[in-house]
Amino acid sequence: MTRYEMKRFDVASASLAELIRLIAEIEALKGAALSGPIEDNLLVASMAEIDARLQPRDAEIAKRG
């Protein structure tokens, strides 16, 4: 994914698979020291979105015991 595409990526409408692929891609860039503020912001937003989507499931599982 290009930086232009990253700027326009809609985290809220992406599937979990797309978010996970995006995080993996950004982590690879970070490992190669090629990331910047765009990637960092998108990484945080993607991880927060995944966390928010999983919260209701966590609460439901906790209720079941």
PDB file of N, CA and C in Angstrom:
ATOM      1  N   MET A   1       0.845  -1.163   0.000  1.00  0.00           N
ATOM      2  CA  MET A   1       0.000   0.000   0.000  1.00  0.00           C
ATOM      3  C   MET A   1       0.899   1.238   0.000  1.00  0.00           C
ATOM      4  N   THR A   2       0.560   2.194  -0.831  1.00  0.00           N
ATOM      5  CA  THR A   2       1.358   3.419  -0.897  1.00  0.00           C
ATOM      6  C   THR A   2       0.971   4.366   0.237  1.00  0.00           C
ATOM      7  N   ARG A   3       1.802   5.357   0.468  1.00  0.00           N
ATOM      8  CA  ARG A   3       1.490   6.352   1.505  1.00  0.00           C
ATOM      9  C   ARG A   3       0.210   7.108   1.146  1.00  0.00           C
ATOM     10  N   TYR A   4      -0.005   7.346  -0.147  1.00  0.00           N
ATOM     11  CA  TYR A   4      -1.233   8.014  -0.598  1.00  0.00           C
ATOM     12  C   TYR A   4      -2.451   7.175  -0.219  1.00  0.00           C
ATOM     13  N   GLU A   5      -2.367   5.870  -0.454  1.00  0.00           N
ATOM     14  CA  GLU A   5      -3.477   4.986  -0.094  1.00  0.00           C
ATOM     15  C   GLU A   5      -3.670   4.933   1.417  1.00  0.00           C
ATOM     16  N   MET A   6      -2.564   4.973   2.158  1.00  0.00           N
ATOM     17  CA  MET A   6      -2.671   4.950   3.616  1.00  0.00           C
ATOM     18  C   MET A   6      -3.380   6.190   4.138  1.00  0.00           C
ATOM     19  N   LYS A   7      -3.114   7.339   3.520  1.00  0.00           N
ATOM     20  CA  LYS A   7      -3.764   8.578   3.950  1.00  0.00           C
ATOM     21  C   LYS A   7      -5.273   8.499   3.783  1.00  0.00           C
ATOM     22  N   ARG A   8      -5.736   7.747   2.782  1.00  0.00           N
ATOM     23  CA  ARG A   8      -7.153   7.674   2.479  1.00  0.00           C
ATOM     24  C   ARG A   8      -7.823   6.399   2.967  1.00  0.00           C
ATOM     25  N   PHE A   9      -7.099   5.575   3.704  1.00  0.00           N
ATOM     26  CA  PHE A   9      -7.635   4.314   4.192  1.00  0.00           C
ATOM     27  C   PHE A   9      -8.685   4.576   5.250  1.00  0.00           C
ATOM     28  N   ASP A  10      -9.845   3.969   5.106  1.00  0.00           N
ATOM     29  CA  ASP A  10     -10.941   4.144   6.065  1.00  0.00           C
ATOM     30  C   ASP A  10     -10.933   2.989   7.043  1.00  0.00           C
ATOM     31  N   VAL A  11     -10.387   3.233   8.206  1.00  0.00           N
ATOM     32  CA  VAL A  11     -10.226   2.203   9.218  1.00  0.00           C
ATOM     33  C   VAL A  11     -11.582   1.654   9.662  1.00  0.00           C
ATOM     34  N   ALA A  12     -12.557   2.533   9.835  1.00  0.00           N
ATOM     35  CA  ALA A  12     -13.860   2.120  10.360  1.00  0.00           C
ATOM     36  C   ALA A  12     -14.603   1.171   9.424  1.00  0.00           C
ATOM     37  N   SER A  13     -14.395   1.295   8.126  1.00  0.00           N
ATOM     38  CA  SER A  13     -15.131   0.440   7.199  1.00  0.00           C
ATOM     39  C   SER A  13     -14.331  -0.781   6.742  1.00  0.00           C
ATOM     40  N   ALA A  14     -13.113  -0.909   7.188  1.00  0.00           N
ATOM     41  CA  ALA A  14     -12.274  -2.034   6.789  1.00  0.00           C
ATOM     42  C   ALA A  14     -12.668  -3.297   7.555  1.00  0.00           C
ATOM     43  N   SER A  15     -12.456  -4.431   6.923  1.00  0.00           N
ATOM     44  CA  SER A  15     -12.697  -5.703   7.599  1.00  0.00           C
ATOM     45  C   SER A  15     -11.552  -5.974   8.572  1.00  0.00           C
ATOM     46  N   LEU A  16     -11.776  -6.903   9.490  1.00  0.00           N
ATOM     47  CA  LEU A  16     -10.700  -7.262  10.419  1.00  0.00           C
ATOM     48  C   LEU A  16      -9.486  -7.792   9.670  1.00  0.00           C
ATOM     49  N   ALA A  17      -9.718  -8.568   8.631  1.00  0.00           N
ATOM     50  CA  ALA A  17      -8.598  -9.103   7.843  1.00  0.00           C
ATOM     51  C   ALA A  17      -7.793  -7.969   7.209  1.00  0.00           C
ATOM     52  N   GLU A  18      -8.481  -6.956   6.671  1.00  0.00           N
ATOM     53  CA  GLU A  18      -7.784  -5.815   6.074  1.00  0.00           C
ATOM     54  C   GLU A  18      -6.978  -5.064   7.124  1.00  0.00           C
ATOM     55  N   LEU A  19      -7.555  -4.896   8.314  1.00  0.00           N
ATOM     56  CA  LEU A  19      -6.849  -4.194   9.386  1.00  0.00           C
ATOM     57  C   LEU A  19      -5.604  -4.968   9.818  1.00  0.00           C
ATOM     58  N   ILE A  20      -5.728  -6.279   9.928  1.00  0.00           N
ATOM     59  CA  ILE A  20      -4.592  -7.097  10.329  1.00  0.00           C
ATOM     60  C   ILE A  20      -3.495  -7.051   9.271  1.00  0.00           C
ATOM     61  N   ARG A  21      -3.868  -7.136   7.986  1.00  0.00           N
ATOM     62  CA  ARG A  21      -2.876  -7.023   6.907  1.00  0.00           C
ATOM     63  C   ARG A  21      -2.183  -5.666   6.943  1.00  0.00           C
ATOM     64  N   LEU A  22      -2.969  -4.613   7.189  1.00  0.00           N
ATOM     65  CA  LEU A  22      -2.414  -3.272   7.247  1.00  0.00           C
ATOM     66  C   LEU A  22      -1.409  -3.149   8.394  1.00  0.00           C
ATOM     67  N   ILE A  23      -1.773  -3.664   9.546  1.00  0.00           N
ATOM     68  CA  ILE A  23      -0.869  -3.613  10.698  1.00  0.00           C
ATOM     69  C   ILE A  23       0.417  -4.363  10.390  1.00  0.00           C
ATOM     70  N   ALA A  24       0.298  -5.521   9.772  1.00  0.00           N
ATOM     71  CA  ALA A  24       1.502  -6.295   9.413  1.00  0.00           C
ATOM     72  C   ALA A  24       2.375  -5.521   8.433  1.00  0.00           C
ATOM     73  N   GLU A  25       1.748  -4.867   7.470  1.00  0.00           N
ATOM     74  CA  GLU A  25       2.503  -4.084   6.486  1.00  0.00           C
ATOM     75  C   GLU A  25       3.224  -2.910   7.152  1.00  0.00           C
ATOM     76  N   ILE A  26       2.537  -2.231   8.043  1.00  0.00           N
ATOM     77  CA  ILE A  26       3.147  -1.089   8.731  1.00  0.00           C
ATOM     78  C   ILE A  26       4.275  -1.560   9.640  1.00  0.00           C
ATOM     79  N   GLU A  27       4.060  -2.677  10.337  1.00  0.00           N
ATOM     80  CA  GLU A  27       5.116  -3.213  11.200  1.00  0.00           C
ATOM     81  C   GLU A  27       6.349  -3.573  10.378  1.00  0.00           C
ATOM     82  N   ALA A  28       6.158  -4.083   9.180  1.00  0.00           N
ATOM     83  CA  ALA A  28       7.301  -4.390   8.308  1.00  0.00           C
ATOM     84  C   ALA A  28       8.043  -3.117   7.920  1.00  0.00           C
ATOM     85  N   LEU A  29       7.293  -2.060   7.642  1.00  0.00           N
ATOM     86  CA  LEU A  29       7.922  -0.779   7.327  1.00  0.00           C
ATOM     87  C   LEU A  29       8.696  -0.239   8.517  1.00  0.00           C
ATOM     88  N   LYS A  30       8.121  -0.384   9.709  1.00  0.00           N
ATOM     89  CA  LYS A  30       8.799   0.088  10.915  1.00  0.00           C
ATOM     90  C   LYS A  30      10.101  -0.682  11.124  1.00  0.00           C
ATOM     91  N   GLY A  31      10.057  -1.979  10.850  1.00  0.00           N
ATOM     92  CA  GLY A  31      11.256  -2.803  10.991  1.00  0.00           C
ATOM     93  C   GLY A  31      12.353  -2.392  10.023  1.00  0.00           C
ATOM     94  N   ALA A  32      11.952  -1.882   8.869  1.00  0.00           N
ATOM     95  CA  ALA A  32      12.917  -1.427   7.873  1.00  0.00           C
ATOM     96  C   ALA A  32      13.223   0.063   8.026  1.00  0.00           C
ATOM     97  N   ALA A  33      12.716   0.666   9.094  1.00  0.00           N
ATOM     98  CA  ALA A  33      12.922   2.090   9.378  1.00  0.00           C
ATOM     99  C   ALA A  33      12.423   2.973   8.235  1.00  0.00           C
ATOM    100  N   LEU A  34      11.320   2.579   7.620  1.00  0.00           N
ATOM    101  CA  LEU A  34      10.748   3.346   6.510  1.00  0.00           C
ATOM    102  C   LEU A  34       9.424   4.000   6.870  1.00  0.00           C
ATOM    103  N   SER A  35       9.026   3.921   8.116  1.00  0.00           N
ATOM    104  CA  SER A  35       7.729   4.485   8.487  1.00  0.00           C
ATOM    105  C   SER A  35       7.877   5.909   8.997  1.00  0.00           C
ATOM    106  N   GLY A  36       6.772   6.616   8.956  1.00  0.00           N
ATOM    107  CA  GLY A  36       6.729   7.991   9.433  1.00  0.00           C
ATOM    108  C   GLY A  36       5.419   8.243  10.152  1.00  0.00           C
ATOM    109  N   PRO A  37       5.048   9.501  10.317  1.00  0.00           N
ATOM    110  CA  PRO A  37       3.844   9.830  11.073  1.00  0.00           C
ATOM    111  C   PRO A  37       2.557   9.295  10.452  1.00  0.00           C
ATOM    112  N   ILE A  38       2.485   9.210   9.144  1.00  0.00           N
ATOM    113  CA  ILE A  38       1.279   8.678   8.504  1.00  0.00           C
ATOM    114  C   ILE A  38       1.077   7.226   8.920  1.00  0.00           C
ATOM    115  N   GLU A  39       2.134   6.440   8.802  1.00  0.00           N
ATOM    116  CA  GLU A  39       2.046   5.031   9.164  1.00  0.00           C
ATOM    117  C   GLU A  39       1.780   4.860  10.661  1.00  0.00           C
ATOM    118  N   ASP A  40       2.434   5.668  11.478  1.00  0.00           N
ATOM    119  CA  ASP A  40       2.245   5.567  12.921  1.00  0.00           C
ATOM    120  C   ASP A  40       0.802   5.868  13.310  1.00  0.00           C
ATOM    121  N   ASN A  41       0.229   6.917  12.744  1.00  0.00           N
ATOM    122  CA  ASN A  41      -1.157   7.263  13.052  1.00  0.00           C
ATOM    123  C   ASN A  41      -2.127   6.189  12.583  1.00  0.00           C
ATOM    124  N   LEU A  42      -1.883   5.646  11.409  1.00  0.00           N
ATOM    125  CA  LEU A  42      -2.746   4.604  10.870  1.00  0.00           C
ATOM    126  C   LEU A  42      -2.617   3.323  11.684  1.00  0.00           C
ATOM    127  N   LEU A  43      -1.425   3.026  12.147  1.00  0.00           N
ATOM    128  CA  LEU A  43      -1.208   1.854  12.987  1.00  0.00           C
ATOM    129  C   LEU A  43      -2.013   1.966  14.275  1.00  0.00           C
ATOM    130  N   VAL A  44      -1.937   3.100  14.928  1.00  0.00           N
ATOM    131  CA  VAL A  44      -2.673   3.315  16.175  1.00  0.00           C
ATOM    132  C   VAL A  44      -4.179   3.249  15.926  1.00  0.00           C
ATOM    133  N   ALA A  45      -4.647   3.879  14.863  1.00  0.00           N
ATOM    134  CA  ALA A  45      -6.084   3.869  14.548  1.00  0.00           C
ATOM    135  C   ALA A  45      -6.567   2.461  14.238  1.00  0.00           C
ATOM    136  N   SER A  46      -5.773   1.704  13.513  1.00  0.00           N
ATOM    137  CA  SER A  46      -6.159   0.333  13.159  1.00  0.00           C
ATOM    138  C   SER A  46      -6.235  -0.554  14.397  1.00  0.00           C
ATOM    139  N   MET A  47      -5.241  -0.427  15.259  1.00  0.00           N
ATOM    140  CA  MET A  47      -5.236  -1.237  16.476  1.00  0.00           C
ATOM    141  C   MET A  47      -6.393  -0.848  17.390  1.00  0.00           C
ATOM    142  N   ALA A  48      -6.704   0.426  17.468  1.00  0.00           N
ATOM    143  CA  ALA A  48      -7.834   0.880  18.286  1.00  0.00           C
ATOM    144  C   ALA A  48      -9.154   0.369  17.723  1.00  0.00           C
ATOM    145  N   GLU A  49      -9.272   0.356  16.412  1.00  0.00           N
ATOM    146  CA  GLU A  49     -10.497  -0.144  15.777  1.00  0.00           C
ATOM    147  C   GLU A  49     -10.682  -1.634  16.048  1.00  0.00           C
ATOM    148  N   ILE A  50      -9.619  -2.406  15.928  1.00  0.00           N
ATOM    149  CA  ILE A  50      -9.713  -3.834  16.235  1.00  0.00           C
ATOM    150  C   ILE A  50     -10.109  -4.033  17.687  1.00  0.00           C
ATOM    151  N   ASP A  51      -9.488  -3.295  18.578  1.00  0.00           N
ATOM    152  CA  ASP A  51      -9.802  -3.396  19.996  1.00  0.00           C
ATOM    153  C   ASP A  51     -11.264  -3.058  20.256  1.00  0.00           C
ATOM    154  N   ALA A  52     -11.767  -1.994  19.641  1.00  0.00           N
ATOM    155  CA  ALA A  52     -13.158  -1.593  19.835  1.00  0.00           C
ATOM    156  C   ALA A  52     -14.121  -2.660  19.315  1.00  0.00           C
ATOM    157  N   ARG A  53     -13.771  -3.273  18.207  1.00  0.00           N
ATOM    158  CA  ARG A  53     -14.642  -4.319  17.652  1.00  0.00           C
ATOM    159  C   ARG A  53     -14.648  -5.568  18.519  1.00  0.00           C
ATOM    160  N   LEU A  54     -13.560  -5.836  19.200  1.00  0.00           N
ATOM    161  CA  LEU A  54     -13.480  -7.034  20.031  1.00  0.00           C
ATOM    162  C   LEU A  54     -14.050  -6.822  21.428  1.00  0.00           C
ATOM    163  N   GLN A  55     -14.198  -5.596  21.876  1.00  0.00           N
ATOM    164  CA  GLN A  55     -14.697  -5.323  23.218  1.00  0.00           C
ATOM    165  C   GLN A  55     -16.066  -5.946  23.484  1.00  0.00           C
ATOM    166  N   PRO A  56     -17.054  -5.796  22.605  1.00  0.00           N
ATOM    167  CA  PRO A  56     -18.354  -6.412  22.879  1.00  0.00           C
ATOM    168  C   PRO A  56     -18.256  -7.934  23.040  1.00  0.00           C
ATOM    169  N   ARG A  57     -17.405  -8.551  22.257  1.00  0.00           N
ATOM    170  CA  ARG A  57     -17.223 -10.008  22.367  1.00  0.00           C
ATOM    171  C   ARG A  57     -16.603 -10.365  23.696  1.00  0.00           C
ATOM    172  N   ASP A  58     -15.632  -9.584  24.141  1.00  0.00           N
ATOM    173  CA  ASP A  58     -14.987  -9.844  25.423  1.00  0.00           C
ATOM    174  C   ASP A  58     -15.997  -9.764  26.560  1.00  0.00           C
ATOM    175  N   ALA A  59     -16.864  -8.760  26.516  1.00  0.00           N
ATOM    176  CA  ALA A  59     -17.873  -8.577  27.552  1.00  0.00           C
ATOM    177  C   ALA A  59     -18.870  -9.732  27.532  1.00  0.00           C
ATOM    178  N   GLU A  60     -19.256 -10.178  26.342  1.00  0.00           N
ATOM    179  CA  GLU A  60     -20.200 -11.279  26.222  1.00  0.00           C
ATOM    180  C   GLU A  60     -19.589 -12.575  26.753  1.00  0.00           C
ATOM    181  N   ILE A  61     -18.336 -12.818  26.461  1.00  0.00           N
ATOM    182  CA  ILE A  61     -17.648 -14.009  26.940  1.00  0.00           C
ATOM    183  C   ILE A  61     -17.546 -13.979  28.467  1.00  0.00           C
ATOM    184  N   ALA A  62     -17.255 -12.804  29.023  1.00  0.00           N
ATOM    185  CA  ALA A  62     -17.132 -12.671  30.462  1.00  0.00           C
ATOM    186  C   ALA A  62     -18.461 -12.962  31.165  1.00  0.00           C
ATOM    187  N   LYS A  63     -19.571 -12.560  30.553  1.00  0.00           N
ATOM    188  CA  LYS A  63     -20.891 -12.811  31.137  1.00  0.00           C
ATOM    189  C   LYS A  63     -21.192 -14.313  31.177  1.00  0.00           C
ATOM    190  N   ARG A  64     -20.754 -15.029  30.158  1.00  0.00           N
ATOM    191  CA  ARG A  64     -21.003 -16.464  30.092  1.00  0.00           C
ATOM    192  C   ARG A  64     -20.219 -17.228  31.149  1.00  0.00           C
ATOM    193  N   GLY A  65     -19.089 -16.626  31.538  1.00  0.00           N
ATOM    194  CA  GLY A  65     -18.274 -17.207  32.601  1.00  0.00           C
ATOM    195  C   GLY A  65     -17.440 -18.300  32.143  1.00  0.00           C
TER     196      GLY A  65
END
